[in-house]
Amino acid sequence: VTDLLQLAESLVGLGYGNDKRLTNTLDIIREKQNENGQWLKEYDYAGKTWFDFGKMKQPNEWVTLRALRVLKALN
C-alpha cells in the first residue's frame, strides 16, 4: 500500500528531489496545501494499520508533517 506522498518521501529521501521527473509530483503536493497551510487526509489506511490516522477529507497533522518534510528537504 502506497500513495503519492509516500513515493515522494522515498525519492526525495534518496536524493532525487531535484530530478525533473519528480516535478509534477511535487507540484501536486504543493497544490493540495490548503489556505491554512495544512494538507487533508485523502487516503484511507483503515484495516491496513493498527490505529486510525484521522478523518477523511479533514486537515491532518500527519499528512501535513509528511508533506512539509518532503518540501523542506528540497531546499
Protein backbone atom coordinates (compact mmCIF):
# COMPACT_ATOMS: atom_id res chain seq x y z
CA VAL A 1 0.00 0.00 0.00
CA THR A 2 1.46 3.35 -1.02
CA ASP A 3 0.39 6.81 -2.07
CA LEU A 4 1.89 9.71 -3.99
CA LEU A 5 3.22 11.39 -0.86
CA GLN A 6 4.94 8.21 0.28
CA LEU A 7 6.62 7.81 -3.10
CA ALA A 8 7.79 11.43 -2.97
CA GLU A 9 9.13 10.89 0.57
CA SER A 10 11.15 7.93 -0.62
CA LEU A 11 12.55 9.56 -3.74
CA VAL A 12 13.42 12.83 -2.00
CA GLY A 13 15.00 10.85 0.83
CA LEU A 14 17.17 9.06 -1.71
CA GLY A 15 18.35 12.40 -3.11
CA TYR A 16 16.14 12.65 -6.19
CA GLY A 17 14.25 15.77 -5.09
CA ASN A 18 15.76 17.87 -7.87
CA ASP A 19 15.12 15.28 -10.58
CA LYS A 20 12.91 16.89 -13.24
CA ARG A 21 10.79 13.73 -13.45
CA LEU A 22 9.58 14.44 -9.91
CA THR A 23 8.43 18.00 -10.72
CA ASN A 24 4.79 17.12 -11.41
CA THR A 25 4.55 15.05 -8.23
CA LEU A 26 5.92 17.88 -6.11
CA ASP A 27 3.58 20.35 -7.81
CA ILE A 28 0.60 18.14 -6.92
CA ILE A 29 1.73 18.02 -3.30
CA ARG A 30 2.10 21.82 -3.18
CA GLU A 31 -1.32 22.35 -4.79
CA LYS A 32 -3.03 20.21 -2.15
CA GLN A 33 -1.97 22.53 0.67
CA ASN A 34 -4.99 24.45 1.95
CA GLU A 35 -5.21 28.14 2.85
CA ASN A 36 -4.21 27.34 6.44
CA GLY A 37 -1.02 25.57 5.37
CA GLN A 38 -2.42 22.10 6.02
CA TRP A 39 -2.98 19.00 3.94
CA LEU A 40 -6.10 16.84 4.09
CA LYS A 41 -6.17 13.12 4.65
CA GLU A 42 -7.09 11.72 1.24
CA TYR A 43 -6.09 8.08 1.60
CA ASP A 44 -7.75 5.66 3.99
CA TYR A 45 -5.45 3.28 5.81
CA ALA A 46 -8.38 1.63 7.64
CA GLY A 47 -7.69 -2.06 8.14
CA LYS A 48 -4.07 -1.64 6.99
CA THR A 49 -2.67 -0.23 10.25
CA TRP A 50 -3.24 -0.75 13.96
CA PHE A 51 -4.66 2.71 14.57
CA ASP A 52 -6.65 5.45 12.87
CA PHE A 53 -4.87 8.41 11.31
CA GLY A 54 -7.89 10.73 11.38
CA LYS A 55 -10.98 11.50 9.38
CA MET A 56 -11.05 11.53 5.60
CA LYS A 57 -11.10 14.89 3.80
CA GLN A 58 -10.14 16.72 7.00
CA PRO A 59 -6.89 18.57 7.79
CA ASN A 60 -4.46 16.02 9.14
CA GLU A 61 -1.35 16.68 11.19
CA TRP A 62 0.41 13.54 9.97
CA VAL A 63 -0.14 14.25 6.29
CA THR A 64 0.88 17.88 6.87
CA LEU A 65 4.06 16.82 8.66
CA ARG A 66 4.99 14.40 5.88
CA ALA A 67 4.32 16.94 3.12
CA LEU A 68 6.31 19.64 4.88
CA ARG A 69 9.25 17.26 5.37
CA VAL A 70 9.29 16.48 1.65
CA LEU A 71 9.18 20.15 0.66
CA LYS A 72 11.76 21.18 3.26
CA ALA A 73 14.19 18.53 2.01
CA LEU A 74 14.16 20.25 -1.39
CA ASN A 75 15.76 23.43 -0.02
